[in-house]
């Protein structure tokens, strides 16, 4: 994947997405959720990094999911390494208020081994992503250890995602949406100002991933 294609991916990924229409149409099945993907200033971690946040629309300052992601470009796909945060409360709401992200440091990042997402381009400027192979993205749930199966599809206007958890021993379904994928529409764009220079990656500045 060349630099032009990678920049297109960044601009398509970055933004705010809402499933307002889905939640309004089926309120007993789906909550109203906002997803944010913010490209971070290059000098923060000296490379192409993102902050992501998911929150219920009624409670934007207490996101139920936060992450920091390092983008690694290869010949045929893009790998998004996944990190948690030691103190997510410090930047909670950073999806809509990016100034809250200025104090992030590498020491704040907690590696999530086995949880990287692999994205590939499909037809019509769409991208599909899934958790890296191996069933090693482990999440305790209800007193049991499960592994995450996450599937994402997005383009310039829409975002579709589905997360499910499976038992590590029996591979049986344990948790996740019982009503199908979440369906979002783009409301904002955050990366139109970025170019290939933002993709520069200082390998020495990366935190450990395992």
Protein backbone atom coordinates (compact mmCIF):
# COMPACT_ATOMS: atom_id res chain seq x y z
CA UNK A 1 0.00 0.00 0.00
CA UNK A 2 1.59 3.27 -1.09
CA UNK A 3 1.53 6.58 0.76
CA UNK A 4 -1.39 7.98 -1.24
CA UNK A 5 -3.53 4.94 -0.42
CA UNK A 6 -2.51 5.11 3.25
CA UNK A 7 -3.50 8.79 3.47
CA UNK A 8 -6.88 7.93 1.95
CA UNK A 9 -7.33 5.29 4.66
CA UNK A 10 -6.50 7.84 7.38
CA UNK A 11 -8.95 10.39 6.02
CA UNK A 12 -11.69 7.77 5.69
CA UNK A 13 -11.15 6.36 9.18
CA UNK A 14 -10.91 9.65 11.06
CA UNK A 15 -14.11 11.30 12.23
CA UNK A 16 -17.20 11.05 14.38
CA UNK A 17 -19.79 8.40 13.61
CA UNK A 18 -23.26 8.05 15.15
CA UNK A 19 -25.89 5.29 15.05
CA UNK A 20 -28.67 7.78 15.82
CA UNK A 21 -30.93 6.49 13.05
CA UNK A 22 -30.54 2.87 14.15
CA UNK A 23 -31.21 3.73 17.80
CA UNK A 24 -34.27 5.80 16.89
CA UNK A 25 -35.64 3.06 14.66
CA UNK A 26 -35.12 0.22 17.16
CA UNK A 27 -34.74 1.81 20.61
CA UNK A 28 -35.31 -1.44 22.50
CA UNK A 29 -32.40 -3.11 20.69
CA UNK A 30 -29.80 -0.38 20.21
CA UNK A 31 -28.50 2.48 22.33
CA UNK A 32 -27.44 5.77 20.74
CA UNK A 33 -23.62 5.61 20.50
CA UNK A 34 -20.92 7.90 19.15
CA UNK A 35 -17.57 6.63 17.84
CA UNK A 36 -14.61 8.99 17.54
CA UNK A 37 -11.32 8.40 15.73
CA UNK A 38 -8.89 11.29 16.20
CA UNK A 39 -5.49 11.40 14.47
CA UNK A 40 -2.97 12.57 17.04
CA UNK A 41 -0.44 15.32 16.38
CA UNK A 42 2.64 13.69 14.87
CA UNK A 43 5.02 15.05 17.49
CA UNK A 44 3.04 13.48 20.33
CA UNK A 45 4.41 9.97 19.64
CA UNK A 46 6.48 10.76 16.54
CA UNK A 47 4.44 8.62 14.19
CA UNK A 48 0.93 7.97 12.83
CA UNK A 49 -1.20 7.43 15.94
CA UNK A 50 -4.90 7.72 16.75
CA UNK A 51 -7.09 8.12 19.79
CA UNK A 52 -10.46 6.35 19.72
CA UNK A 53 -13.45 6.64 21.98
CA UNK A 54 -16.93 5.15 22.17
CA UNK A 55 -19.60 6.65 24.39
CA UNK A 56 -23.32 6.73 24.87
CA UNK A 57 -24.79 9.93 23.51
CA UNK A 58 -26.34 10.81 26.88
CA UNK A 59 -23.00 10.42 28.72
CA UNK A 60 -20.16 11.75 26.53
CA UNK A 61 -17.73 12.35 29.42
CA UNK A 62 -17.69 8.71 30.53
CA UNK A 63 -16.74 6.68 27.44
CA UNK A 64 -17.16 2.95 27.83
CA UNK A 65 -14.23 2.28 25.50
CA UNK A 66 -11.01 4.18 24.86
CA UNK A 67 -7.91 3.25 22.92
CA UNK A 68 -4.72 4.55 21.35
CA UNK A 69 -3.65 3.00 18.07
CA UNK A 70 -0.39 2.93 16.12
CA UNK A 71 -0.78 2.63 12.35
CA UNK A 72 1.67 0.31 10.54
CA UNK A 73 1.46 0.17 6.75
CA UNK A 74 2.44 -2.97 4.82
CA UNK A 75 2.19 -4.00 1.19
CA UNK A 76 -1.34 -5.37 1.30
CA UNK A 77 -2.93 -4.18 4.55
CA UNK A 78 -2.80 -1.73 7.44
CA UNK A 79 -2.19 -2.95 10.97
CA UNK A 80 -3.56 -0.89 13.87
CA UNK A 81 -1.73 -1.81 17.06
CA UNK A 82 -3.95 -1.43 20.11
CA UNK A 83 -3.14 0.17 23.46
CA UNK A 84 -5.19 0.94 26.55
CA UNK A 85 -4.63 3.87 28.92
CA UNK A 86 -3.40 3.80 32.52
CA UNK A 87 -5.69 6.68 33.45
CA UNK A 88 -8.37 7.03 30.81
CA UNK A 89 -10.31 9.55 32.89
CA UNK A 90 -7.67 12.19 32.19
CA UNK A 91 -8.58 12.30 28.50
CA UNK A 92 -12.20 11.12 28.66
CA UNK A 93 -14.16 13.25 26.21
CA UNK A 94 -11.08 13.73 24.05
CA UNK A 95 -13.04 12.56 21.04
CA UNK A 96 -14.99 15.81 20.99
CA UNK A 97 -12.44 17.93 22.89
CA UNK A 98 -9.04 17.08 21.36
CA UNK A 99 -7.17 19.50 23.64
CA UNK A 100 -7.62 16.86 26.35
CA UNK A 101 -5.24 14.59 24.40
CA UNK A 102 -2.27 16.96 24.41
CA UNK A 103 -0.92 15.56 27.67
CA UNK A 104 -0.72 11.94 26.51
CA UNK A 105 2.67 10.31 27.05
CA UNK A 106 4.11 6.95 26.03
CA UNK A 107 4.17 5.92 29.69
CA UNK A 108 0.36 6.16 29.69
CA UNK A 109 0.00 3.36 27.14
CA UNK A 110 -0.86 -0.21 28.09
CA UNK A 111 -0.25 -2.80 25.33
CA UNK A 112 -3.19 -4.99 24.35
CA UNK A 113 -1.40 -8.06 22.93
CA UNK A 114 -3.35 -10.03 20.36
CA UNK A 115 -5.80 -7.16 19.81
CA UNK A 116 -4.35 -5.44 16.74
CA UNK A 117 -6.79 -4.84 13.89
CA UNK A 118 -5.92 -5.74 10.30
CA UNK A 119 -7.56 -3.57 7.63
CA UNK A 120 -7.71 -4.20 3.90
CA UNK A 121 -9.16 -2.14 1.08
CA UNK A 122 -12.13 -3.56 -0.81
CA UNK A 123 -14.04 -2.24 -3.80
CA UNK A 124 -15.58 1.23 -3.95
CA UNK A 125 -13.16 2.82 -1.45
CA UNK A 126 -14.33 0.66 1.42
CA UNK A 127 -12.22 -0.97 4.12
CA UNK A 128 -12.78 -4.12 6.13
CA UNK A 129 -11.01 -4.94 9.37
CA UNK A 130 -10.82 -7.75 11.87
CA UNK A 131 -8.81 -8.69 14.94
CA UNK A 132 -5.47 -10.30 14.13
CA UNK A 133 -5.54 -14.13 13.93
CA UNK A 134 -4.90 -16.32 16.94
CA UNK A 135 -7.86 -15.72 19.29
CA UNK A 136 -5.51 -13.95 21.73
CA UNK A 137 -7.40 -10.70 22.35
CA UNK A 138 -8.53 -11.80 25.82
CA UNK A 139 -11.33 -10.14 27.77
CA UNK A 140 -12.66 -11.38 31.13
CA UNK A 141 -16.42 -11.33 31.21
CA UNK A 142 -18.80 -12.74 33.83
CA UNK A 143 -16.06 -14.63 35.63
CA UNK A 144 -14.86 -16.33 32.45
CA UNK A 145 -12.04 -15.57 30.06
CA UNK A 146 -13.21 -14.86 26.53
CA UNK A 147 -11.54 -13.77 23.31
CA UNK A 148 -12.76 -10.94 21.12
CA UNK A 149 -13.92 -11.27 17.54
CA UNK A 150 -14.26 -7.77 16.13
CA UNK A 151 -15.38 -6.98 12.60
CA UNK A 152 -15.48 -3.51 11.05
CA UNK A 153 -16.45 -2.15 7.64
CA UNK A 154 -16.38 1.53 6.76
CA UNK A 155 -16.23 4.01 3.91
CA UNK A 156 -16.51 7.76 3.53
CA UNK A 157 -20.09 7.84 4.83
CA UNK A 158 -20.77 4.75 6.95
CA UNK A 159 -19.30 2.60 9.72
CA UNK A 160 -20.55 -0.91 10.53
CA UNK A 161 -19.11 -2.88 13.44
CA UNK A 162 -19.79 -5.97 15.48
CA UNK A 163 -17.96 -7.18 18.58
CA UNK A 164 -18.51 -10.65 20.04
CA UNK A 165 -16.86 -12.66 22.78
CA UNK A 166 -16.22 -16.42 22.70
CA UNK A 167 -15.15 -18.90 25.36
CA UNK A 168 -11.41 -19.57 25.13
CA UNK A 169 -11.84 -23.30 25.79
CA UNK A 170 -15.02 -24.23 23.91
CA UNK A 171 -15.14 -21.36 21.36
CA UNK A 172 -18.83 -20.93 22.14
CA UNK A 173 -20.49 -17.51 21.94
CA UNK A 174 -20.60 -15.69 25.31
CA UNK A 175 -21.40 -12.01 24.75
CA UNK A 176 -22.00 -9.32 22.18
CA UNK A 177 -24.89 -7.78 20.30
CA UNK A 178 -27.76 -10.19 19.88
CA UNK A 179 -29.41 -7.97 17.28
CA UNK A 180 -26.73 -7.73 14.64
CA UNK A 181 -24.08 -5.12 13.86
CA UNK A 182 -24.11 -1.48 14.88
CA UNK A 183 -24.67 0.84 11.92
CA UNK A 184 -23.27 4.37 12.02
CA UNK A 185 -23.21 7.43 9.78
CA UNK A 186 -20.37 9.93 9.60
CA UNK A 187 -21.11 13.29 11.20
CA UNK A 188 -17.66 14.91 11.24
CA UNK A 189 -14.25 14.63 9.56
CA UNK A 190 -10.94 15.10 11.40
CA UNK A 191 -8.11 14.35 8.97
CA UNK A 192 -8.62 16.43 5.83
CA UNK A 193 -5.53 18.49 6.74
CA UNK A 194 -3.18 15.48 6.87
CA UNK A 195 -0.81 14.37 4.12
CA UNK A 196 1.88 11.74 3.55
CA UNK A 197 4.27 13.59 5.88
CA UNK A 198 2.06 12.61 8.84
CA UNK A 199 2.77 8.94 8.05
CA UNK A 200 6.46 9.31 8.92
CA UNK A 201 7.29 6.84 11.66
CA UNK A 202 10.13 7.16 14.15
CA UNK A 203 10.58 3.51 15.11
CA UNK A 204 12.72 4.41 18.12
CA UNK A 205 9.80 6.29 19.68
CA UNK A 206 7.42 3.34 19.77
CA UNK A 207 6.40 1.87 23.15
CA UNK A 208 6.70 -1.85 23.69
CA UNK A 209 3.81 -3.88 22.23
CA UNK A 210 4.15 -6.97 24.40
